[in-house]
Amino acid sequence: MAERRKYSKKYCKYCEAKVEMIDYKDLSLLKQTLSERYKIMPKRLTGNCKKHQEMAEKAIKRARQAAFIPYIVDRKNVAVTPFELLK
């Protein structure tokens, strides 16, 4: 029989920091949920709980609407660290 791999359980970073509300203007909090191409990462990869994942999704969508975060990134000119552009 094949042995099962044992992975460590991922914990919600927002629960550990005791974050009550994720604000769309706080880009340092939203970085944890975005990929390098500004896509929203799924819950299974980030380890967020359902409550904080939904709050982060709403905040990211609002930040995109307010033009704090871009909707798409040009495929040809992908930055090494795109979050430096947000400063």
PDB file of N, CA and C in Angstrom:
ATOM      1  N   MET A   1       0.822  -1.191   0.000  1.00  0.00           N
ATOM      2  CA  MET A   1       0.000   0.000   0.000  1.00  0.00           C
ATOM      3  C   MET A   1       0.867   1.256   0.000  1.00  0.00           C
ATOM      4  N   ALA A   2       0.402   2.240  -0.672  1.00  0.00           N
ATOM      5  CA  ALA A   2       1.141   3.505  -0.721  1.00  0.00           C
ATOM      6  C   ALA A   2       0.981   4.250   0.599  1.00  0.00           C
ATOM      7  N   GLU A   3       2.066   4.848   1.016  1.00  0.00           N
ATOM      8  CA  GLU A   3       2.012   5.622   2.260  1.00  0.00           C
ATOM      9  C   GLU A   3       1.432   6.995   1.981  1.00  0.00           C
ATOM     10  N   ARG A   4       0.612   7.462   2.918  1.00  0.00           N
ATOM     11  CA  ARG A   4       0.030   8.784   2.776  1.00  0.00           C
ATOM     12  C   ARG A   4       1.024   9.825   3.271  1.00  0.00           C
ATOM     13  N   ARG A   5       1.084  10.923   2.576  1.00  0.00           N
ATOM     14  CA  ARG A   5       1.951  12.019   3.003  1.00  0.00           C
ATOM     15  C   ARG A   5       1.239  12.793   4.100  1.00  0.00           C
ATOM     16  N   LYS A   6       1.977  13.151   5.100  1.00  0.00           N
ATOM     17  CA  LYS A   6       1.399  13.925   6.191  1.00  0.00           C
ATOM     18  C   LYS A   6       1.833  15.379   6.032  1.00  0.00           C
ATOM     19  N   TYR A   7       0.861  16.230   5.810  1.00  0.00           N
ATOM     20  CA  TYR A   7       1.119  17.652   5.665  1.00  0.00           C
ATOM     21  C   TYR A   7       0.764  18.352   6.970  1.00  0.00           C
ATOM     22  N   SER A   8       1.469  19.411   7.260  1.00  0.00           N
ATOM     23  CA  SER A   8       1.131  20.178   8.449  1.00  0.00           C
ATOM     24  C   SER A   8      -0.125  20.993   8.164  1.00  0.00           C
ATOM     25  N   LYS A   9      -0.943  21.153   9.163  1.00  0.00           N
ATOM     26  CA  LYS A   9      -2.193  21.881   9.004  1.00  0.00           C
ATOM     27  C   LYS A   9      -1.893  23.364   8.827  1.00  0.00           C
ATOM     28  N   LYS A  10      -2.549  23.972   7.861  1.00  0.00           N
ATOM     29  CA  LYS A  10      -2.360  25.389   7.625  1.00  0.00           C
ATOM     30  C   LYS A  10      -3.310  26.159   8.532  1.00  0.00           C
ATOM     31  N   TYR A  11      -2.800  27.206   9.133  1.00  0.00           N
ATOM     32  CA  TYR A  11      -3.597  28.011  10.036  1.00  0.00           C
ATOM     33  C   TYR A  11      -3.913  29.352   9.399  1.00  0.00           C
ATOM     34  N   CYS A  12      -5.029  29.896   9.808  1.00  0.00           N
ATOM     35  CA  CYS A  12      -5.472  31.193   9.293  1.00  0.00           C
ATOM     36  C   CYS A  12      -4.580  32.290   9.874  1.00  0.00           C
ATOM     37  N   LYS A  13      -3.929  33.038   9.007  1.00  0.00           N
ATOM     38  CA  LYS A  13      -3.031  34.104   9.453  1.00  0.00           C
ATOM     39  C   LYS A  13      -3.805  35.242  10.102  1.00  0.00           C
ATOM     40  N   TYR A  14      -5.034  35.442   9.653  1.00  0.00           N
ATOM     41  CA  TYR A  14      -5.845  36.510  10.203  1.00  0.00           C
ATOM     42  C   TYR A  14      -6.355  36.157  11.604  1.00  0.00           C
ATOM     43  N   CYS A  15      -6.651  34.883  11.844  1.00  0.00           N
ATOM     44  CA  CYS A  15      -7.084  34.451  13.177  1.00  0.00           C
ATOM     45  C   CYS A  15      -5.919  34.547  14.162  1.00  0.00           C
ATOM     46  N   GLU A  16      -4.715  34.187  13.721  1.00  0.00           N
ATOM     47  CA  GLU A  16      -3.550  34.267  14.596  1.00  0.00           C
ATOM     48  C   GLU A  16      -3.246  35.711  14.979  1.00  0.00           C
ATOM     49  N   ALA A  17      -3.455  36.645  14.047  1.00  0.00           N
ATOM     50  CA  ALA A  17      -3.210  38.063  14.322  1.00  0.00           C
ATOM     51  C   ALA A  17      -4.418  38.727  14.983  1.00  0.00           C
ATOM     52  N   LYS A  18      -5.498  37.968  15.169  1.00  0.00           N
ATOM     53  CA  LYS A  18      -6.743  38.450  15.782  1.00  0.00           C
ATOM     54  C   LYS A  18      -7.304  39.662  15.043  1.00  0.00           C
ATOM     55  N   VAL A  19      -7.398  39.515  13.723  1.00  0.00           N
ATOM     56  CA  VAL A  19      -7.945  40.573  12.876  1.00  0.00           C
ATOM     57  C   VAL A  19      -9.462  40.430  12.867  1.00  0.00           C
ATOM     58  N   GLU A  20     -10.149  41.507  13.209  1.00  0.00           N
ATOM     59  CA  GLU A  20     -11.614  41.471  13.237  1.00  0.00           C
ATOM     60  C   GLU A  20     -12.203  41.865  11.882  1.00  0.00           C
ATOM     61  N   MET A  21     -11.574  42.869  11.231  1.00  0.00           N
ATOM     62  CA  MET A  21     -12.100  43.370   9.965  1.00  0.00           C
ATOM     63  C   MET A  21     -10.938  43.594   9.010  1.00  0.00           C
ATOM     64  N   ILE A  22     -11.095  43.152   7.777  1.00  0.00           N
ATOM     65  CA  ILE A  22     -10.065  43.360   6.752  1.00  0.00           C
ATOM     66  C   ILE A  22     -10.504  44.552   5.910  1.00  0.00           C
ATOM     67  N   ASP A  23      -9.718  45.614   5.958  1.00  0.00           N
ATOM     68  CA  ASP A  23     -10.058  46.838   5.245  1.00  0.00           C
ATOM     69  C   ASP A  23      -9.461  46.797   3.844  1.00  0.00           C
ATOM     70  N   TYR A  24     -10.186  47.321   2.882  1.00  0.00           N
ATOM     71  CA  TYR A  24      -9.713  47.279   1.498  1.00  0.00           C
ATOM     72  C   TYR A  24      -8.552  48.226   1.268  1.00  0.00           C
ATOM     73  N   LYS A  25      -8.340  49.192   2.164  1.00  0.00           N
ATOM     74  CA  LYS A  25      -7.232  50.134   2.011  1.00  0.00           C
ATOM     75  C   LYS A  25      -5.931  49.622   2.608  1.00  0.00           C
ATOM     76  N   ASP A  26      -5.999  48.550   3.398  1.00  0.00           N
ATOM     77  CA  ASP A  26      -4.805  47.997   4.036  1.00  0.00           C
ATOM     78  C   ASP A  26      -4.200  46.927   3.126  1.00  0.00           C
ATOM     79  N   LEU A  27      -3.303  47.350   2.252  1.00  0.00           N
ATOM     80  CA  LEU A  27      -2.743  46.451   1.243  1.00  0.00           C
ATOM     81  C   LEU A  27      -1.770  45.443   1.826  1.00  0.00           C
ATOM     82  N   SER A  28      -1.177  45.745   2.965  1.00  0.00           N
ATOM     83  CA  SER A  28      -0.251  44.785   3.575  1.00  0.00           C
ATOM     84  C   SER A  28      -0.985  43.536   4.052  1.00  0.00           C
ATOM     85  N   LEU A  29      -2.233  43.687   4.490  1.00  0.00           N
ATOM     86  CA  LEU A  29      -3.028  42.517   4.879  1.00  0.00           C
ATOM     87  C   LEU A  29      -3.494  41.732   3.655  1.00  0.00           C
ATOM     88  N   LEU A  30      -3.801  42.442   2.589  1.00  0.00           N
ATOM     89  CA  LEU A  30      -4.326  41.780   1.395  1.00  0.00           C
ATOM     90  C   LEU A  30      -3.247  41.028   0.629  1.00  0.00           C
ATOM     91  N   LYS A  31      -1.963  41.379   0.836  1.00  0.00           N
ATOM     92  CA  LYS A  31      -0.864  40.702   0.149  1.00  0.00           C
ATOM     93  C   LYS A  31      -0.861  39.207   0.409  1.00  0.00           C
ATOM     94  N   GLN A  32      -1.274  38.802   1.602  1.00  0.00           N
ATOM     95  CA  GLN A  32      -1.216  37.397   1.991  1.00  0.00           C
ATOM     96  C   GLN A  32      -2.168  36.535   1.173  1.00  0.00           C
ATOM     97  N   THR A  33      -3.201  37.147   0.619  1.00  0.00           N
ATOM     98  CA  THR A  33      -4.214  36.390  -0.104  1.00  0.00           C
ATOM     99  C   THR A  33      -4.068  36.512  -1.617  1.00  0.00           C
ATOM    100  N   LEU A  34      -3.158  37.368  -2.089  1.00  0.00           N
ATOM    101  CA  LEU A  34      -2.974  37.566  -3.522  1.00  0.00           C
ATOM    102  C   LEU A  34      -1.732  36.829  -4.023  1.00  0.00           C
ATOM    103  N   SER A  35      -1.816  36.338  -5.264  1.00  0.00           N
ATOM    104  CA  SER A  35      -0.645  35.722  -5.888  1.00  0.00           C
ATOM    105  C   SER A  35       0.212  36.812  -6.518  1.00  0.00           C
ATOM    106  N   GLU A  36       1.313  36.414  -7.156  1.00  0.00           N
ATOM    107  CA  GLU A  36       2.202  37.407  -7.766  1.00  0.00           C
ATOM    108  C   GLU A  36       1.582  38.080  -8.977  1.00  0.00           C
ATOM    109  N   ARG A  37       0.516  37.495  -9.495  1.00  0.00           N
ATOM    110  CA  ARG A  37      -0.198  38.107 -10.621  1.00  0.00           C
ATOM    111  C   ARG A  37      -1.508  38.736 -10.173  1.00  0.00           C
ATOM    112  N   TYR A  38      -1.619  39.004  -8.887  1.00  0.00           N
ATOM    113  CA  TYR A  38      -2.779  39.656  -8.280  1.00  0.00           C
ATOM    114  C   TYR A  38      -4.058  38.829  -8.377  1.00  0.00           C
ATOM    115  N   LYS A  39      -3.933  37.526  -8.449  1.00  0.00           N
ATOM    116  CA  LYS A  39      -5.114  36.662  -8.418  1.00  0.00           C
ATOM    117  C   LYS A  39      -5.415  36.312  -6.974  1.00  0.00           C
ATOM    118  N   ILE A  40      -6.684  36.096  -6.673  1.00  0.00           N
ATOM    119  CA  ILE A  40      -7.072  35.708  -5.319  1.00  0.00           C
ATOM    120  C   ILE A  40      -6.747  34.230  -5.144  1.00  0.00           C
ATOM    121  N   MET A  41      -5.934  33.940  -4.142  1.00  0.00           N
ATOM    122  CA  MET A  41      -5.534  32.556  -3.899  1.00  0.00           C
ATOM    123  C   MET A  41      -6.643  31.816  -3.157  1.00  0.00           C
ATOM    124  N   PRO A  42      -6.838  30.538  -3.461  1.00  0.00           N
ATOM    125  CA  PRO A  42      -7.907  29.783  -2.806  1.00  0.00           C
ATOM    126  C   PRO A  42      -7.597  29.487  -1.342  1.00  0.00           C
ATOM    127  N   LYS A  43      -8.647  29.150  -0.629  1.00  0.00           N
ATOM    128  CA  LYS A  43      -8.563  28.887   0.808  1.00  0.00           C
ATOM    129  C   LYS A  43      -7.645  27.717   1.132  1.00  0.00           C
ATOM    130  N   ARG A  44      -7.624  26.728   0.276  1.00  0.00           N
ATOM    131  CA  ARG A  44      -6.807  25.538   0.539  1.00  0.00           C
ATOM    132  C   ARG A  44      -5.320  25.836   0.444  1.00  0.00           C
ATOM    133  N   LEU A  45      -4.932  26.869  -0.308  1.00  0.00           N
ATOM    134  CA  LEU A  45      -3.522  27.241  -0.410  1.00  0.00           C
ATOM    135  C   LEU A  45      -3.096  28.225   0.678  1.00  0.00           C
ATOM    136  N   THR A  46      -3.977  29.158   1.016  1.00  0.00           N
ATOM    137  CA  THR A  46      -3.611  30.162   2.016  1.00  0.00           C
ATOM    138  C   THR A  46      -3.803  29.653   3.431  1.00  0.00           C
ATOM    139  N   GLY A  47      -4.751  28.739   3.633  1.00  0.00           N
ATOM    140  CA  GLY A  47      -5.019  28.236   4.969  1.00  0.00           C
ATOM    141  C   GLY A  47      -5.979  29.101   5.749  1.00  0.00           C
ATOM    142  N   ASN A  48      -6.589  30.078   5.090  1.00  0.00           N
ATOM    143  CA  ASN A  48      -7.524  30.963   5.779  1.00  0.00           C
ATOM    144  C   ASN A  48      -8.804  30.225   6.148  1.00  0.00           C
ATOM    145  N   CYS A  49      -9.433  30.691   7.226  1.00  0.00           N
ATOM    146  CA  CYS A  49     -10.740  30.133   7.578  1.00  0.00           C
ATOM    147  C   CYS A  49     -11.781  30.753   6.637  1.00  0.00           C
ATOM    148  N   LYS A  50     -12.978  30.206   6.649  1.00  0.00           N
ATOM    149  CA  LYS A  50     -14.013  30.643   5.714  1.00  0.00           C
ATOM    150  C   LYS A  50     -14.378  32.106   5.923  1.00  0.00           C
ATOM    151  N   LYS A  51     -14.497  32.509   7.173  1.00  0.00           N
ATOM    152  CA  LYS A  51     -14.897  33.881   7.487  1.00  0.00           C
ATOM    153  C   LYS A  51     -13.879  34.890   6.957  1.00  0.00           C
ATOM    154  N   HIS A  52     -12.612  34.644   7.215  1.00  0.00           N
ATOM    155  CA  HIS A  52     -11.587  35.586   6.783  1.00  0.00           C
ATOM    156  C   HIS A  52     -11.334  35.516   5.282  1.00  0.00           C
ATOM    157  N   GLN A  53     -11.518  34.363   4.678  1.00  0.00           N
ATOM    158  CA  GLN A  53     -11.353  34.250   3.229  1.00  0.00           C
ATOM    159  C   GLN A  53     -12.417  35.079   2.517  1.00  0.00           C
ATOM    160  N   GLU A  54     -13.657  35.026   3.008  1.00  0.00           N
ATOM    161  CA  GLU A  54     -14.729  35.805   2.392  1.00  0.00           C
ATOM    162  C   GLU A  54     -14.508  37.302   2.593  1.00  0.00           C
ATOM    163  N   MET A  55     -14.026  37.684   3.789  1.00  0.00           N
ATOM    164  CA  MET A  55     -13.734  39.097   4.043  1.00  0.00           C
ATOM    165  C   MET A  55     -12.600  39.578   3.153  1.00  0.00           C
ATOM    166  N   ALA A  56     -11.589  38.757   2.965  1.00  0.00           N
ATOM    167  CA  ALA A  56     -10.450  39.129   2.118  1.00  0.00           C
ATOM    168  C   ALA A  56     -10.890  39.263   0.659  1.00  0.00           C
ATOM    169  N   GLU A  57     -11.750  38.357   0.206  1.00  0.00           N
ATOM    170  CA  GLU A  57     -12.239  38.434  -1.174  1.00  0.00           C
ATOM    171  C   GLU A  57     -13.007  39.727  -1.407  1.00  0.00           C
ATOM    172  N   LYS A  58     -13.888  40.089  -0.468  1.00  0.00           N
ATOM    173  CA  LYS A  58     -14.645  41.335  -0.606  1.00  0.00           C
ATOM    174  C   LYS A  58     -13.723  42.535  -0.605  1.00  0.00           C
ATOM    175  N   ALA A  59     -12.723  42.520   0.284  1.00  0.00           N
ATOM    176  CA  ALA A  59     -11.795  43.643   0.375  1.00  0.00           C
ATOM    177  C   ALA A  59     -10.962  43.769  -0.895  1.00  0.00           C
ATOM    178  N   ILE A  60     -10.540  42.645  -1.463  1.00  0.00           N
ATOM    179  CA  ILE A  60      -9.754  42.685  -2.706  1.00  0.00           C
ATOM    180  C   ILE A  60     -10.603  43.215  -3.852  1.00  0.00           C
ATOM    181  N   LYS A  61     -11.842  42.782  -3.926  1.00  0.00           N
ATOM    182  CA  LYS A  61     -12.723  43.260  -4.992  1.00  0.00           C
ATOM    183  C   LYS A  61     -12.995  44.757  -4.851  1.00  0.00           C
ATOM    184  N   ARG A  62     -13.141  45.231  -3.618  1.00  0.00           N
ATOM    185  CA  ARG A  62     -13.337  46.665  -3.390  1.00  0.00           C
ATOM    186  C   ARG A  62     -12.069  47.443  -3.713  1.00  0.00           C
ATOM    187  N   ALA A  63     -10.904  46.885  -3.380  1.00  0.00           N
ATOM    188  CA  ALA A  63      -9.643  47.552  -3.687  1.00  0.00           C
ATOM    189  C   ALA A  63      -9.420  47.621  -5.192  1.00  0.00           C
ATOM    190  N   ARG A  64      -9.845  46.616  -5.909  1.00  0.00           N
ATOM    191  CA  ARG A  64      -9.752  46.659  -7.373  1.00  0.00           C
ATOM    192  C   ARG A  64     -10.668  47.729  -7.936  1.00  0.00           C
ATOM    193  N   GLN A  65     -11.854  47.835  -7.367  1.00  0.00           N
ATOM    194  CA  GLN A  65     -12.827  48.832  -7.811  1.00  0.00           C
ATOM    195  C   GLN A  65     -12.292  50.241  -7.564  1.00  0.00           C
ATOM    196  N   ALA A  66     -11.582  50.436  -6.464  1.00  0.00           N
ATOM    197  CA  ALA A  66     -11.020  51.741  -6.118  1.00  0.00           C
ATOM    198  C   ALA A  66      -9.642  51.966  -6.747  1.00  0.00           C
ATOM    199  N   ALA A  67      -9.168  51.025  -7.548  1.00  0.00           N
ATOM    200  CA  ALA A  67      -7.911  51.101  -8.293  1.00  0.00           C
ATOM    201  C   ALA A  67      -6.676  51.071  -7.395  1.00  0.00           C
ATOM    202  N   PHE A  68      -6.757  50.409  -6.230  1.00  0.00           N
ATOM    203  CA  PHE A  68      -5.582  50.191  -5.403  1.00  0.00           C
ATOM    204  C   PHE A  68      -4.809  48.969  -5.898  1.00  0.00           C
ATOM    205  N   ILE A  69      -5.532  48.002  -6.459  1.00  0.00           N
ATOM    206  CA  ILE A  69      -4.941  46.764  -6.975  1.00  0.00           C
ATOM    207  C   ILE A  69      -5.406  46.607  -8.424  1.00  0.00           C
ATOM    208  N   PRO A  70      -4.513  46.253  -9.346  1.00  0.00           N
ATOM    209  CA  PRO A  70      -4.950  46.079 -10.733  1.00  0.00           C
ATOM    210  C   PRO A  70      -5.762  44.792 -10.918  1.00  0.00           C
ATOM    211  N   TYR A  71      -6.628  44.807 -11.931  1.00  0.00           N
ATOM    212  CA  TYR A  71      -7.414  43.612 -12.241  1.00  0.00           C
ATOM    213  C   TYR A  71      -6.545  42.538 -12.876  1.00  0.00           C
ATOM    214  N   ILE A  72      -5.710  42.947 -13.839  1.00  0.00           N
ATOM    215  CA  ILE A  72      -4.845  41.999 -14.533  1.00  0.00           C
ATOM    216  C   ILE A  72      -3.430  42.553 -14.592  1.00  0.00           C
ATOM    217  N   VAL A  73      -2.487  41.660 -14.812  1.00  0.00           N
ATOM    218  CA  VAL A  73      -1.093  42.044 -14.982  1.00  0.00           C
ATOM    219  C   VAL A  73      -0.683  41.637 -16.386  1.00  0.00           C
ATOM    220  N   ASP A  74       0.063  42.497 -17.052  1.00  0.00           N
ATOM    221  CA  ASP A  74       0.538  42.203 -18.402  1.00  0.00           C
ATOM    222  C   ASP A  74       1.423  40.958 -18.359  1.00  0.00           C
ATOM    223  N   ARG A  75       1.125  39.988 -19.194  1.00  0.00           N
ATOM    224  CA  ARG A  75       1.870  38.728 -19.184  1.00  0.00           C
ATOM    225  C   ARG A  75       3.323  38.901 -19.605  1.00  0.00           C
ATOM    226  N   LYS A  76       3.574  39.856 -20.476  1.00  0.00           N
ATOM    227  CA  LYS A  76       4.930  40.039 -20.974  1.00  0.00           C
ATOM    228  C   LYS A  76       5.816  40.758 -19.966  1.00  0.00           C
ATOM    229  N   ASN A  77       5.237  41.659 -19.191  1.00  0.00           N
ATOM    230  CA  ASN A  77       6.012  42.459 -18.242  1.00  0.00           C
ATOM    231  C   ASN A  77       5.625  42.116 -16.802  1.00  0.00           C
ATOM    232  N   VAL A  78       5.852  40.880 -16.396  1.00  0.00           N
ATOM    233  CA  VAL A  78       5.539  40.468 -15.039  1.00  0.00           C
ATOM    234  C   VAL A  78       6.685  40.921 -14.129  1.00  0.00           C
ATOM    235  N   ALA A  79       6.341  41.668 -13.094  1.00  0.00           N
ATOM    236  CA  ALA A  79       7.351  42.172 -12.163  1.00  0.00           C
ATOM    237  C   ALA A  79       7.794  41.047 -11.237  1.00  0.00           C
ATOM    238  N   VAL A  80       9.017  41.129 -10.769  1.00  0.00           N
ATOM    239  CA  VAL A  80       9.534  40.128  -9.837  1.00  0.00           C
ATOM    240  C   VAL A  80       8.763  40.219  -8.522  1.00  0.00           C
ATOM    241  N   THR A  81       8.621  41.424  -8.001  1.00  0.00           N
ATOM    242  CA  THR A  81       7.816  41.652  -6.806  1.00  0.00           C
ATOM    243  C   THR A  81       6.816  42.758  -7.120  1.00  0.00           C
ATOM    244  N   PRO A  82       5.621  42.416  -7.546  1.00  0.00           N
ATOM    245  CA  PRO A  82       4.664  43.441  -7.977  1.00  0.00           C
ATOM    246  C   PRO A  82       4.155  44.318  -6.845  1.00  0.00           C
ATOM    247  N   PHE A  83       4.343  43.880  -5.589  1.00  0.00           N
ATOM    248  CA  PHE A  83       3.837  44.670  -4.483  1.00  0.00           C
ATOM    249  C   PHE A  83       4.676  45.919  -4.221  1.00  0.00           C
ATOM    250  N   GLU A  84       5.853  45.982  -4.809  1.00  0.00           N
ATOM    251  CA  GLU A  84       6.651  47.207  -4.706  1.00  0.00           C
ATOM    252  C   GLU A  84       6.013  48.325  -5.500  1.00  0.00           C
ATOM    253  N   LEU A  85       5.252  47.991  -6.521  1.00  0.00           N
ATOM    254  CA  LEU A  85       4.574  49.000  -7.332  1.00  0.00           C
ATOM    255  C   LEU A  85       3.407  49.633  -6.588  1.00  0.00           C
ATOM    256  N   LEU A  86       2.887  48.965  -5.566  1.00  0.00           N
ATOM    257  CA  LEU A  86       1.729  49.459  -4.839  1.00  0.00           C
ATOM    258  C   LEU A  86       2.069  50.565  -3.845  1.00  0.00           C
ATOM    259  N   LYS A  87       3.344  50.746  -3.542  1.00  0.00           N
ATOM    260  CA  LYS A  87       3.736  51.733  -2.540  1.00  0.00           C
ATOM    261  C   LYS A  87       3.482  53.111  -2.951  1.00  0.00           C
TER     262      LYS A  87
END
